[in-house]
Amino acid sequence: MPDLELLDRKVLIANKLLDKGFSQRKIRAILVFLESYVLFKKPEMNRIFKERIQSHDKNNIMGIDEYVRQEAKQEERENSSRLFVENLLKGSDFSIEKIASLANVTVSFVKKVKAGTKSK
């Protein structure tokens, strides 16, 4: 498919998402998919795509680069918390509530980690 036609289709999809009132998280995830996996032959078309979306994006949802970085940081924090909780579960006699407090996570998070470590 020619880049201009692909650009029009990607912009149409993005604009419809923005107009339909989906959650910002869903819209960003789909926009990340469109930008990262529905690729143009010419890389400069990505810049044009972003510009067209940003002109339609009244709530500034588009920040794809920022969103990807934010999601990566969140995943890193969760992995770090999971490792800390696993170590506390294995190396201490602390209660689930105490571990949650020490790791600054929820009790349900500790229970999920505990259930996951039992199945390993």
PDB file of N, CA and C in Angstrom:
ATOM      1  N   MET A   1       0.848  -1.166   0.000  1.00  0.00           N
ATOM      2  CA  MET A   1       0.000   0.000   0.000  1.00  0.00           C
ATOM      3  C   MET A   1       0.902   1.241   0.000  1.00  0.00           C
ATOM      4  N   PRO A   2       0.616   2.204  -0.827  1.00  0.00           N
ATOM      5  CA  PRO A   2       1.421   3.428  -0.863  1.00  0.00           C
ATOM      6  C   PRO A   2       1.371   4.162   0.482  1.00  0.00           C
ATOM      7  N   ASP A   3       2.473   4.838   0.810  1.00  0.00           N
ATOM      8  CA  ASP A   3       2.571   5.532   2.090  1.00  0.00           C
ATOM      9  C   ASP A   3       1.457   6.554   2.307  1.00  0.00           C
ATOM     10  N   LEU A   4       1.079   7.286   1.285  1.00  0.00           N
ATOM     11  CA  LEU A   4       0.042   8.301   1.460  1.00  0.00           C
ATOM     12  C   LEU A   4      -1.309   7.673   1.814  1.00  0.00           C
ATOM     13  N   GLU A   5      -1.618   6.550   1.189  1.00  0.00           N
ATOM     14  CA  GLU A   5      -2.860   5.858   1.504  1.00  0.00           C
ATOM     15  C   GLU A   5      -2.809   5.290   2.928  1.00  0.00           C
ATOM     16  N   LEU A   6      -1.667   4.720   3.296  1.00  0.00           N
ATOM     17  CA  LEU A   6      -1.494   4.199   4.645  1.00  0.00           C
ATOM     18  C   LEU A   6      -1.597   5.328   5.670  1.00  0.00           C
ATOM     19  N   LEU A   7      -1.004   6.467   5.361  1.00  0.00           N
ATOM     20  CA  LEU A   7      -1.088   7.628   6.246  1.00  0.00           C
ATOM     21  C   LEU A   7      -2.550   8.027   6.464  1.00  0.00           C
ATOM     22  N   ASP A   8      -3.301   8.124   5.377  1.00  0.00           N
ATOM     23  CA  ASP A   8      -4.715   8.492   5.489  1.00  0.00           C
ATOM     24  C   ASP A   8      -5.494   7.503   6.361  1.00  0.00           C
ATOM     25  N   ARG A   9      -5.220   6.223   6.206  1.00  0.00           N
ATOM     26  CA  ARG A   9      -5.932   5.207   6.975  1.00  0.00           C
ATOM     27  C   ARG A   9      -5.549   5.268   8.461  1.00  0.00           C
ATOM     28  N   LYS A  10      -4.246   5.426   8.729  1.00  0.00           N
ATOM     29  CA  LYS A  10      -3.806   5.513  10.128  1.00  0.00           C
ATOM     30  C   LYS A  10      -4.393   6.751  10.807  1.00  0.00           C
ATOM     31  N   VAL A  11      -4.403   7.859  10.100  1.00  0.00           N
ATOM     32  CA  VAL A  11      -4.961   9.094  10.652  1.00  0.00           C
ATOM     33  C   VAL A  11      -6.461   8.930  10.883  1.00  0.00           C
ATOM     34  N   LEU A  12      -7.152   8.303   9.950  1.00  0.00           N
ATOM     35  CA  LEU A  12      -8.585   8.070  10.095  1.00  0.00           C
ATOM     36  C   LEU A  12      -8.865   7.225  11.339  1.00  0.00           C
ATOM     37  N   ILE A  13      -8.117   6.147  11.513  1.00  0.00           N
ATOM     38  CA  ILE A  13      -8.294   5.279  12.690  1.00  0.00           C
ATOM     39  C   ILE A  13      -8.042   6.071  13.971  1.00  0.00           C
ATOM     40  N   ALA A  14      -6.948   6.796  13.993  1.00  0.00           N
ATOM     41  CA  ALA A  14      -6.595   7.565  15.192  1.00  0.00           C
ATOM     42  C   ALA A  14      -7.656   8.612  15.510  1.00  0.00           C
ATOM     43  N   ASN A  15      -8.110   9.316  14.503  1.00  0.00           N
ATOM     44  CA  ASN A  15      -9.123  10.356  14.723  1.00  0.00           C
ATOM     45  C   ASN A  15     -10.437   9.771  15.224  1.00  0.00           C
ATOM     46  N   LYS A  16     -10.826   8.632  14.682  1.00  0.00           N
ATOM     47  CA  LYS A  16     -12.061   7.984  15.141  1.00  0.00           C
ATOM     48  C   LYS A  16     -11.927   7.566  16.610  1.00  0.00           C
ATOM     49  N   LEU A  17     -10.759   7.037  16.978  1.00  0.00           N
ATOM     50  CA  LEU A  17     -10.529   6.669  18.373  1.00  0.00           C
ATOM     51  C   LEU A  17     -10.649   7.883  19.277  1.00  0.00           C
ATOM     52  N   LEU A  18     -10.029   8.971  18.862  1.00  0.00           N
ATOM     53  CA  LEU A  18     -10.055  10.193  19.666  1.00  0.00           C
ATOM     54  C   LEU A  18     -11.469  10.736  19.808  1.00  0.00           C
ATOM     55  N   ASP A  19     -12.280  10.560  18.780  1.00  0.00           N
ATOM     56  CA  ASP A  19     -13.645  11.087  18.792  1.00  0.00           C
ATOM     57  C   ASP A  19     -14.630  10.203  19.567  1.00  0.00           C
ATOM     58  N   LYS A  20     -14.331   8.928  19.718  1.00  0.00           N
ATOM     59  CA  LYS A  20     -15.292   7.981  20.297  1.00  0.00           C
ATOM     60  C   LYS A  20     -15.294   7.950  21.820  1.00  0.00           C
ATOM     61  N   GLY A  21     -14.352   8.592  22.464  1.00  0.00           N
ATOM     62  CA  GLY A  21     -14.360   8.644  23.924  1.00  0.00           C
ATOM     63  C   GLY A  21     -13.792   7.423  24.619  1.00  0.00           C
ATOM     64  N   PHE A  22     -12.916   6.691  23.967  1.00  0.00           N
ATOM     65  CA  PHE A  22     -12.238   5.582  24.627  1.00  0.00           C
ATOM     66  C   PHE A  22     -11.313   6.133  25.705  1.00  0.00           C
ATOM     67  N   SER A  23     -10.890   5.271  26.628  1.00  0.00           N
ATOM     68  CA  SER A  23      -9.973   5.716  27.678  1.00  0.00           C
ATOM     69  C   SER A  23      -8.642   6.114  27.048  1.00  0.00           C
ATOM     70  N   GLN A  24      -7.949   7.032  27.705  1.00  0.00           N
ATOM     71  CA  GLN A  24      -6.653   7.489  27.190  1.00  0.00           C
ATOM     72  C   GLN A  24      -5.680   6.327  27.081  1.00  0.00           C
ATOM     73  N   ARG A  25      -5.716   5.418  28.037  1.00  0.00           N
ATOM     74  CA  ARG A  25      -4.802   4.263  28.016  1.00  0.00           C
ATOM     75  C   ARG A  25      -5.023   3.406  26.766  1.00  0.00           C
ATOM     76  N   LYS A  26      -6.300   3.143  26.435  1.00  0.00           N
ATOM     77  CA  LYS A  26      -6.603   2.337  25.247  1.00  0.00           C
ATOM     78  C   LYS A  26      -6.166   3.064  23.971  1.00  0.00           C
ATOM     79  N   ILE A  27      -6.477   4.351  23.930  1.00  0.00           N
ATOM     80  CA  ILE A  27      -6.109   5.124  22.735  1.00  0.00           C
ATOM     81  C   ILE A  27      -4.602   5.124  22.556  1.00  0.00           C
ATOM     82  N   ARG A  28      -3.873   5.384  23.634  1.00  0.00           N
ATOM     83  CA  ARG A  28      -2.404   5.404  23.530  1.00  0.00           C
ATOM     84  C   ARG A  28      -1.857   4.053  23.088  1.00  0.00           C
ATOM     85  N   ALA A  29      -2.408   2.978  23.648  1.00  0.00           N
ATOM     86  CA  ALA A  29      -1.928   1.646  23.271  1.00  0.00           C
ATOM     87  C   ALA A  29      -2.143   1.388  21.783  1.00  0.00           C
ATOM     88  N   ILE A  30      -3.290   1.786  21.261  1.00  0.00           N
ATOM     89  CA  ILE A  30      -3.563   1.578  19.835  1.00  0.00           C
ATOM     90  C   ILE A  30      -2.693   2.486  18.983  1.00  0.00           C
ATOM     91  N   LEU A  31      -2.492   3.724  19.438  1.00  0.00           N
ATOM     92  CA  LEU A  31      -1.623   4.633  18.691  1.00  0.00           C
ATOM     93  C   LEU A  31      -0.178   4.129  18.676  1.00  0.00           C
ATOM     94  N   VAL A  32       0.269   3.573  19.778  1.00  0.00           N
ATOM     95  CA  VAL A  32       1.615   2.976  19.820  1.00  0.00           C
ATOM     96  C   VAL A  32       1.698   1.829  18.822  1.00  0.00           C
ATOM     97  N   PHE A  33       0.655   1.007  18.787  1.00  0.00           N
ATOM     98  CA  PHE A  33       0.618  -0.090  17.822  1.00  0.00           C
ATOM     99  C   PHE A  33       0.683   0.446  16.397  1.00  0.00           C
ATOM    100  N   LEU A  34      -0.141   1.449  16.096  1.00  0.00           N
ATOM    101  CA  LEU A  34      -0.155   2.009  14.740  1.00  0.00           C
ATOM    102  C   LEU A  34       1.216   2.561  14.354  1.00  0.00           C
ATOM    103  N   GLU A  35       1.859   3.241  15.294  1.00  0.00           N
ATOM    104  CA  GLU A  35       3.148   3.844  14.971  1.00  0.00           C
ATOM    105  C   GLU A  35       4.268   2.810  14.903  1.00  0.00           C
ATOM    106  N   SER A  36       4.217   1.805  15.771  1.00  0.00           N
ATOM    107  CA  SER A  36       5.332   0.864  15.883  1.00  0.00           C
ATOM    108  C   SER A  36       5.237  -0.349  14.964  1.00  0.00           C
ATOM    109  N   TYR A  37       4.015  -0.737  14.602  1.00  0.00           N
ATOM    110  CA  TYR A  37       3.866  -1.979  13.846  1.00  0.00           C
ATOM    111  C   TYR A  37       3.225  -1.823  12.475  1.00  0.00           C
ATOM    112  N   VAL A  38       2.547  -0.737  12.244  1.00  0.00           N
ATOM    113  CA  VAL A  38       1.982  -0.462  10.920  1.00  0.00           C
ATOM    114  C   VAL A  38       2.918   0.576  10.310  1.00  0.00           C
ATOM    115  N   LEU A  39       3.935   0.080   9.627  1.00  0.00           N
ATOM    116  CA  LEU A  39       5.075   0.920   9.247  1.00  0.00           C
ATOM    117  C   LEU A  39       4.959   1.493   7.834  1.00  0.00           C
ATOM    118  N   PHE A  40       5.510   2.696   7.718  1.00  0.00           N
ATOM    119  CA  PHE A  40       5.639   3.342   6.424  1.00  0.00           C
ATOM    120  C   PHE A  40       6.949   2.913   5.776  1.00  0.00           C
ATOM    121  N   LYS A  41       6.993   2.991   4.446  1.00  0.00           N
ATOM    122  CA  LYS A  41       8.257   2.742   3.747  1.00  0.00           C
ATOM    123  C   LYS A  41       9.238   3.879   3.997  1.00  0.00           C
ATOM    124  N   LYS A  42       8.708   5.102   4.059  1.00  0.00           N
ATOM    125  CA  LYS A  42       9.543   6.279   4.300  1.00  0.00           C
ATOM    126  C   LYS A  42       9.380   6.705   5.757  1.00  0.00           C
ATOM    127  N   PRO A  43      10.452   6.680   6.543  1.00  0.00           N
ATOM    128  CA  PRO A  43      10.358   7.028   7.969  1.00  0.00           C
ATOM    129  C   PRO A  43       9.823   8.434   8.239  1.00  0.00           C
ATOM    130  N   GLU A  44      10.029   9.372   7.343  1.00  0.00           N
ATOM    131  CA  GLU A  44       9.553  10.739   7.587  1.00  0.00           C
ATOM    132  C   GLU A  44       8.026  10.807   7.632  1.00  0.00           C
ATOM    133  N   MET A  45       7.348   9.774   7.143  1.00  0.00           N
ATOM    134  CA  MET A  45       5.887   9.749   7.200  1.00  0.00           C
ATOM    135  C   MET A  45       5.399   9.647   8.649  1.00  0.00           C
ATOM    136  N   ASN A  46       6.230   9.064   9.537  1.00  0.00           N
ATOM    137  CA  ASN A  46       5.861   9.005  10.954  1.00  0.00           C
ATOM    138  C   ASN A  46       5.702  10.399  11.537  1.00  0.00           C
ATOM    139  N   ARG A  47       6.576  11.310  11.159  1.00  0.00           N
ATOM    140  CA  ARG A  47       6.499  12.690  11.633  1.00  0.00           C
ATOM    141  C   ARG A  47       5.193  13.327  11.168  1.00  0.00           C
ATOM    142  N   ILE A  48       4.832  13.097   9.921  1.00  0.00           N
ATOM    143  CA  ILE A  48       3.589  13.647   9.374  1.00  0.00           C
ATOM    144  C   ILE A  48       2.385  13.047  10.111  1.00  0.00           C
ATOM    145  N   PHE A  49       2.435  11.752  10.363  1.00  0.00           N
ATOM    146  CA  PHE A  49       1.365  11.081  11.110  1.00  0.00           C
ATOM    147  C   PHE A  49       1.189  11.734  12.479  1.00  0.00           C
ATOM    148  N   LYS A  50       2.280  11.915  13.220  1.00  0.00           N
ATOM    149  CA  LYS A  50       2.209  12.538  14.546  1.00  0.00           C
ATOM    150  C   LYS A  50       1.639  13.954  14.470  1.00  0.00           C
ATOM    151  N   GLU A  51       2.078  14.707  13.492  1.00  0.00           N
ATOM    152  CA  GLU A  51       1.598  16.089  13.348  1.00  0.00           C
ATOM    153  C   GLU A  51       0.095  16.118  13.091  1.00  0.00           C
ATOM    154  N   ARG A  52      -0.384  15.234  12.239  1.00  0.00           N
ATOM    155  CA  ARG A  52      -1.815  15.218  11.926  1.00  0.00           C
ATOM    156  C   ARG A  52      -2.652  14.799  13.132  1.00  0.00           C
ATOM    157  N   ILE A  53      -2.144  13.852  13.879  1.00  0.00           N
ATOM    158  CA  ILE A  53      -2.879  13.398  15.052  1.00  0.00           C
ATOM    159  C   ILE A  53      -2.889  14.487  16.115  1.00  0.00           C
ATOM    160  N   GLN A  54      -1.758  15.113  16.335  1.00  0.00           N
ATOM    161  CA  GLN A  54      -1.675  16.139  17.374  1.00  0.00           C
ATOM    162  C   GLN A  54      -2.592  17.322  17.077  1.00  0.00           C
ATOM    163  N   SER A  55      -2.810  17.608  15.810  1.00  0.00           N
ATOM    164  CA  SER A  55      -3.722  18.703  15.480  1.00  0.00           C
ATOM    165  C   SER A  55      -5.173  18.343  15.815  1.00  0.00           C
ATOM    166  N   HIS A  56      -5.482  17.056  15.886  1.00  0.00           N
ATOM    167  CA  HIS A  56      -6.843  16.586  16.190  1.00  0.00           C
ATOM    168  C   HIS A  56      -6.996  16.211  17.671  1.00  0.00           C
ATOM    169  N   ASP A  57      -5.887  16.034  18.344  1.00  0.00           N
ATOM    170  CA  ASP A  57      -5.858  15.530  19.722  1.00  0.00           C
ATOM    171  C   ASP A  57      -6.011  16.673  20.712  1.00  0.00           C
ATOM    172  N   LYS A  58      -7.245  16.980  21.065  1.00  0.00           N
ATOM    173  CA  LYS A  58      -7.528  18.107  21.964  1.00  0.00           C
ATOM    174  C   LYS A  58      -7.085  17.834  23.401  1.00  0.00           C
ATOM    175  N   ASN A  59      -7.033  16.575  23.804  1.00  0.00           N
ATOM    176  CA  ASN A  59      -6.674  16.214  25.180  1.00  0.00           C
ATOM    177  C   ASN A  59      -5.219  15.809  25.335  1.00  0.00           C
ATOM    178  N   ASN A  60      -4.431  15.991  24.273  1.00  0.00           N
ATOM    179  CA  ASN A  60      -3.000  15.662  24.298  1.00  0.00           C
ATOM    180  C   ASN A  60      -2.749  14.210  24.701  1.00  0.00           C
ATOM    181  N   ILE A  61      -3.486  13.315  24.099  1.00  0.00           N
ATOM    182  CA  ILE A  61      -3.342  11.887  24.378  1.00  0.00           C
ATOM    183  C   ILE A  61      -2.164  11.296  23.610  1.00  0.00           C
ATOM    184  N   MET A  62      -1.813  11.889  22.502  1.00  0.00           N
ATOM    185  CA  MET A  62      -0.895  11.288  21.543  1.00  0.00           C
ATOM    186  C   MET A  62       0.490  10.997  22.094  1.00  0.00           C
ATOM    187  N   GLY A  63       1.008  11.657  23.070  1.00  0.00           N
ATOM    188  CA  GLY A  63       2.387  11.530  23.523  1.00  0.00           C
ATOM    189  C   GLY A  63       2.910  10.106  23.519  1.00  0.00           C
ATOM    190  N   ILE A  64       3.043   9.497  22.364  1.00  0.00           N
ATOM    191  CA  ILE A  64       3.427   8.083  22.233  1.00  0.00           C
ATOM    192  C   ILE A  64       4.789   7.826  22.869  1.00  0.00           C
ATOM    193  N   ASP A  65       5.775   8.652  22.558  1.00  0.00           N
ATOM    194  CA  ASP A  65       7.110   8.423  23.096  1.00  0.00           C
ATOM    195  C   ASP A  65       7.091   8.474  24.623  1.00  0.00           C
ATOM    196  N   GLU A  66       6.397   9.469  25.144  1.00  0.00           N
ATOM    197  CA  GLU A  66       6.281   9.602  26.601  1.00  0.00           C
ATOM    198  C   GLU A  66       5.543   8.399  27.187  1.00  0.00           C
ATOM    199  N   TYR A  67       4.502   7.965  26.521  1.00  0.00           N
ATOM    200  CA  TYR A  67       3.713   6.831  26.995  1.00  0.00           C
ATOM    201  C   TYR A  67       4.560   5.560  27.055  1.00  0.00           C
ATOM    202  N   VAL A  68       5.337   5.312  26.016  1.00  0.00           N
ATOM    203  CA  VAL A  68       6.171   4.106  25.976  1.00  0.00           C
ATOM    204  C   VAL A  68       7.193   4.143  27.106  1.00  0.00           C
ATOM    205  N   ARG A  69       7.820   5.315  27.315  1.00  0.00           N
ATOM    206  CA  ARG A  69       8.788   5.445  28.414  1.00  0.00           C
ATOM    207  C   ARG A  69       8.112   5.232  29.765  1.00  0.00           C
ATOM    208  N   GLN A  70       6.933   5.787  29.921  1.00  0.00           N
ATOM    209  CA  GLN A  70       6.194   5.664  31.177  1.00  0.00           C
ATOM    210  C   GLN A  70       5.827   4.197  31.444  1.00  0.00           C
ATOM    211  N   GLU A  71       5.372   3.510  30.433  1.00  0.00           N
ATOM    212  CA  GLU A  71       5.020   2.097  30.593  1.00  0.00           C
ATOM    213  C   GLU A  71       6.249   1.253  30.937  1.00  0.00           C
ATOM    214  N   ALA A  72       7.394   1.567  30.312  1.00  0.00           N
ATOM    215  CA  ALA A  72       8.627   0.843  30.605  1.00  0.00           C
ATOM    216  C   ALA A  72       9.063   1.076  32.051  1.00  0.00           C
ATOM    217  N   LYS A  73       8.952   2.314  32.521  1.00  0.00           N
ATOM    218  CA  LYS A  73       9.306   2.617  33.917  1.00  0.00           C
ATOM    219  C   LYS A  73       8.380   1.887  34.873  1.00  0.00           C
ATOM    220  N   GLN A  74       7.093   1.867  34.552  1.00  0.00           N
ATOM    221  CA  GLN A  74       6.124   1.185  35.400  1.00  0.00           C
ATOM    222  C   GLN A  74       6.433  -0.307  35.473  1.00  0.00           C
ATOM    223  N   GLU A  75       6.760  -0.902  34.347  1.00  0.00           N
ATOM    224  CA  GLU A  75       7.093  -2.328  34.313  1.00  0.00           C
ATOM    225  C   GLU A  75       8.362  -2.594  35.120  1.00  0.00           C
ATOM    226  N   GLU A  76       9.340  -1.713  35.000  1.00  0.00           N
ATOM    227  CA  GLU A  76      10.586  -1.857  35.752  1.00  0.00           C
ATOM    228  C   GLU A  76      10.317  -1.777  37.264  1.00  0.00           C
ATOM    229  N   ARG A  77       9.483  -0.821  37.674  1.00  0.00           N
ATOM    230  CA  ARG A  77       9.136  -0.689  39.098  1.00  0.00           C
ATOM    231  C   ARG A  77       8.414  -1.940  39.596  1.00  0.00           C
ATOM    232  N   GLU A  78       7.498  -2.445  38.779  1.00  0.00           N
ATOM    233  CA  GLU A  78       6.759  -3.630  39.187  1.00  0.00           C
ATOM    234  C   GLU A  78       7.678  -4.842  39.305  1.00  0.00           C
ATOM    235  N   ASN A  79       8.598  -4.997  38.365  1.00  0.00           N
ATOM    236  CA  ASN A  79       9.547  -6.110  38.434  1.00  0.00           C
ATOM    237  C   ASN A  79      10.439  -5.999  39.660  1.00  0.00           C
ATOM    238  N   SER A  80      10.866  -4.777  39.961  1.00  0.00           N
ATOM    239  CA  SER A  80      11.696  -4.540  41.137  1.00  0.00           C
ATOM    240  C   SER A  80      10.922  -4.866  42.409  1.00  0.00           C
ATOM    241  N   SER A  81       9.682  -4.420  42.481  1.00  0.00           N
ATOM    242  CA  SER A  81       8.843  -4.713  43.647  1.00  0.00           C
ATOM    243  C   SER A  81       8.612  -6.213  43.774  1.00  0.00           C
ATOM    244  N   ARG A  82       8.365  -6.854  42.653  1.00  0.00           N
ATOM    245  CA  ARG A  82       8.122  -8.303  42.672  1.00  0.00           C
ATOM    246  C   ARG A  82       9.349  -9.044  43.213  1.00  0.00           C
ATOM    247  N   LEU A  83      10.530  -8.666  42.755  1.00  0.00           N
ATOM    248  CA  LEU A  83      11.757  -9.309  43.214  1.00  0.00           C
ATOM    249  C   LEU A  83      11.953  -9.075  44.713  1.00  0.00           C
ATOM    250  N   PHE A  84      11.730  -7.850  45.174  1.00  0.00           N
ATOM    251  CA  PHE A  84      11.866  -7.524  46.589  1.00  0.00           C
ATOM    252  C   PHE A  84      10.889  -8.348  47.425  1.00  0.00           C
ATOM    253  N   VAL A  85       9.653  -8.442  46.978  1.00  0.00           N
ATOM    254  CA  VAL A  85       8.640  -9.220  47.698  1.00  0.00           C
ATOM    255  C   VAL A  85       9.032 -10.699  47.704  1.00  0.00           C
ATOM    256  N   GLU A  86       9.486 -11.221  46.579  1.00  0.00           N
ATOM    257  CA  GLU A  86       9.915 -12.629  46.534  1.00  0.00           C
ATOM    258  C   GLU A  86      11.017 -12.889  47.542  1.00  0.00           C
ATOM    259  N   ASN A  87      11.992 -11.979  47.616  1.00  0.00           N
ATOM    260  CA  ASN A  87      13.101 -12.143  48.563  1.00  0.00           C
ATOM    261  C   ASN A  87      12.609 -12.094  50.005  1.00  0.00           C
ATOM    262  N   LEU A  88      11.682 -11.195  50.299  1.00  0.00           N
ATOM    263  CA  LEU A  88      11.135 -11.129  51.655  1.00  0.00           C
ATOM    264  C   LEU A  88      10.329 -12.380  51.991  1.00  0.00           C
ATOM    265  N   LEU A  89       9.592 -12.891  51.025  1.00  0.00           N
ATOM    266  CA  LEU A  89       8.817 -14.110  51.263  1.00  0.00           C
ATOM    267  C   LEU A  89       9.739 -15.300  51.540  1.00  0.00           C
ATOM    268  N   LYS A  90      10.829 -15.392  50.798  1.00  0.00           N
ATOM    269  CA  LYS A  90      11.759 -16.517  50.949  1.00  0.00           C
ATOM    270  C   LYS A  90      12.658 -16.361  52.174  1.00  0.00           C
ATOM    271  N   GLY A  91      13.069 -15.127  52.463  1.00  0.00           N
ATOM    272  CA  GLY A  91      14.107 -14.933  53.479  1.00  0.00           C
ATOM    273  C   GLY A  91      13.637 -14.361  54.793  1.00  0.00           C
ATOM    274  N   SER A  92      12.329 -14.319  55.022  1.00  0.00           N
ATOM    275  CA  SER A  92      11.857 -13.775  56.292  1.00  0.00           C
ATOM    276  C   SER A  92      10.597 -14.493  56.743  1.00  0.00           C
ATOM    277  N   ASP A  93      10.251 -14.224  57.977  1.00  0.00           N
ATOM    278  CA  ASP A  93       9.005 -14.764  58.526  1.00  0.00           C
ATOM    279  C   ASP A  93       7.950 -13.673  58.658  1.00  0.00           C
ATOM    280  N   PHE A  94       8.138 -12.572  57.925  1.00  0.00           N
ATOM    281  CA  PHE A  94       7.193 -11.459  58.005  1.00  0.00           C
ATOM    282  C   PHE A  94       5.827 -11.875  57.463  1.00  0.00           C
ATOM    283  N   SER A  95       4.819 -11.267  58.025  1.00  0.00           N
ATOM    284  CA  SER A  95       3.465 -11.505  57.538  1.00  0.00           C
ATOM    285  C   SER A  95       3.300 -10.844  56.162  1.00  0.00           C
ATOM    286  N   ILE A  96       2.272 -11.242  55.457  1.00  0.00           N
ATOM    287  CA  ILE A  96       1.970 -10.658  54.149  1.00  0.00           C
ATOM    288  C   ILE A  96       1.748  -9.159  54.284  1.00  0.00           C
ATOM    289  N   GLU A  97       1.055  -8.756  55.340  1.00  0.00           N
ATOM    290  CA  GLU A  97       0.788  -7.335  55.565  1.00  0.00           C
ATOM    291  C   GLU A  97       2.083  -6.554  55.786  1.00  0.00           C
ATOM    292  N   LYS A  98       3.006  -7.136  56.572  1.00  0.00           N
ATOM    293  CA  LYS A  98       4.288  -6.474  56.852  1.00  0.00           C
ATOM    294  C   LYS A  98       5.113  -6.365  55.568  1.00  0.00           C
ATOM    295  N   ILE A  99       5.125  -7.413  54.763  1.00  0.00           N
ATOM    296  CA  ILE A  99       5.867  -7.388  53.494  1.00  0.00           C
ATOM    297  C   ILE A  99       5.284  -6.328  52.574  1.00  0.00           C
ATOM    298  N   ALA A 100       3.971  -6.254  52.508  1.00  0.00           N
ATOM    299  CA  ALA A 100       3.321  -5.239  51.672  1.00  0.00           C
ATOM    300  C   ALA A 100       3.733  -3.849  52.129  1.00  0.00           C
ATOM    301  N   SER A 101       3.772  -3.647  53.429  1.00  0.00           N
ATOM    302  CA  SER A 101       4.168  -2.348  53.978  1.00  0.00           C
ATOM    303  C   SER A 101       5.630  -2.032  53.655  1.00  0.00           C
ATOM    304  N   LEU A 102       6.506  -2.990  53.849  1.00  0.00           N
ATOM    305  CA  LEU A 102       7.937  -2.782  53.578  1.00  0.00           C
ATOM    306  C   LEU A 102       8.214  -2.522  52.101  1.00  0.00           C
ATOM    307  N   ALA A 103       7.482  -3.220  51.234  1.00  0.00           N
ATOM    308  CA  ALA A 103       7.702  -3.097  49.790  1.00  0.00           C
ATOM    309  C   ALA A 103       6.872  -1.979  49.169  1.00  0.00           C
ATOM    310  N   ASN A 104       6.017  -1.373  49.973  1.00  0.00           N
ATOM    311  CA  ASN A 104       5.146  -0.297  49.487  1.00  0.00           C
ATOM    312  C   ASN A 104       4.266  -0.770  48.320  1.00  0.00           C
ATOM    313  N   VAL A 105       3.675  -1.949  48.532  1.00  0.00           N
ATOM    314  CA  VAL A 105       2.754  -2.537  47.551  1.00  0.00           C
ATOM    315  C   VAL A 105       1.495  -2.970  48.292  1.00  0.00           C
ATOM    316  N   THR A 106       0.513  -3.421  47.545  1.00  0.00           N
ATOM    317  CA  THR A 106      -0.727  -3.879  48.165  1.00  0.00           C
ATOM    318  C   THR A 106      -0.590  -5.307  48.669  1.00  0.00           C
ATOM    319  N   VAL A 107      -1.459  -5.657  49.599  1.00  0.00           N
ATOM    320  CA  VAL A 107      -1.497  -7.026  50.110  1.00  0.00           C
ATOM    321  C   VAL A 107      -1.825  -7.998  48.974  1.00  0.00           C
ATOM    322  N   SER A 108      -2.720  -7.593  48.089  1.00  0.00           N
ATOM    323  CA  SER A 108      -3.078  -8.481  46.966  1.00  0.00           C
ATOM    324  C   SER A 108      -1.877  -8.718  46.050  1.00  0.00           C
ATOM    325  N   PHE A 109      -1.018  -7.693  45.879  1.00  0.00           N
ATOM    326  CA  PHE A 109       0.190  -7.873  45.067  1.00  0.00           C
ATOM    327  C   PHE A 109       1.090  -8.934  45.703  1.00  0.00           C
ATOM    328  N   VAL A 110       1.268  -8.863  47.039  1.00  0.00           N
ATOM    329  CA  VAL A 110       2.107  -9.845  47.744  1.00  0.00           C
ATOM    330  C   VAL A 110       1.505 -11.239  47.604  1.00  0.00           C
ATOM    331  N   LYS A 111       0.192 -11.338  47.715  1.00  0.00           N
ATOM    332  CA  LYS A 111      -0.464 -12.641  47.573  1.00  0.00           C
ATOM    333  C   LYS A 111      -0.267 -13.214  46.177  1.00  0.00           C
ATOM    334  N   LYS A 112      -0.340 -12.355  45.164  1.00  0.00           N
ATOM    335  CA  LYS A 112      -0.110 -12.820  43.781  1.00  0.00           C
ATOM    336  C   LYS A 112       1.321 -13.314  43.609  1.00  0.00           C
ATOM    337  N   VAL A 113       2.273 -12.567  44.156  1.00  0.00           N
ATOM    338  CA  VAL A 113       3.682 -12.976  44.057  1.00  0.00           C
ATOM    339  C   VAL A 113       3.877 -14.293  44.794  1.00  0.00           C
ATOM    340  N   LYS A 114       3.287 -14.390  45.961  1.00  0.00           N
ATOM    341  CA  LYS A 114       3.407 -15.631  46.755  1.00  0.00           C
ATOM    342  C   LYS A 114       2.829 -16.817  45.999  1.00  0.00           C
ATOM    343  N   ALA A 115       1.669 -16.626  45.386  1.00  0.00           N
ATOM    344  CA  ALA A 115       1.044 -17.707  44.609  1.00  0.00           C
ATOM    345  C   ALA A 115       1.912 -18.061  43.404  1.00  0.00           C
ATOM    346  N   GLY A 116       2.543 -17.070  42.810  1.00  0.00           N
ATOM    347  CA  GLY A 116       3.417 -17.313  41.657  1.00  0.00           C
ATOM    348  C   GLY A 116       4.686 -18.050  42.031  1.00  0.00           C
ATOM    349  N   THR A 117       5.242 -17.771  43.219  1.00  0.00           N
ATOM    350  CA  THR A 117       6.477 -18.432  43.625  1.00  0.00           C
ATOM    351  C   THR A 117       6.209 -19.876  44.043  1.00  0.00           C
ATOM    352  N   LYS A 118       5.003 -20.175  44.529  1.00  0.00           N
ATOM    353  CA  LYS A 118       4.657 -21.546  44.881  1.00  0.00           C
ATOM    354  C   LYS A 118       4.570 -22.447  43.652  1.00  0.00           C
ATOM    355  N   SER A 119       4.131 -21.864  42.521  1.00  0.00           N
ATOM    356  CA  SER A 119       3.946 -22.670  41.318  1.00  0.00           C
ATOM    357  C   SER A 119       5.246 -22.914  40.581  1.00  0.00           C
ATOM    358  N   LYS A 120       6.325 -22.243  41.000  1.00  0.00           N
ATOM    359  CA  LYS A 120       7.631 -22.412  40.310  1.00  0.00           C
ATOM    360  C   LYS A 120       8.345 -23.634  40.771  1.00  0.00           C
TER     361      LYS A 120
END
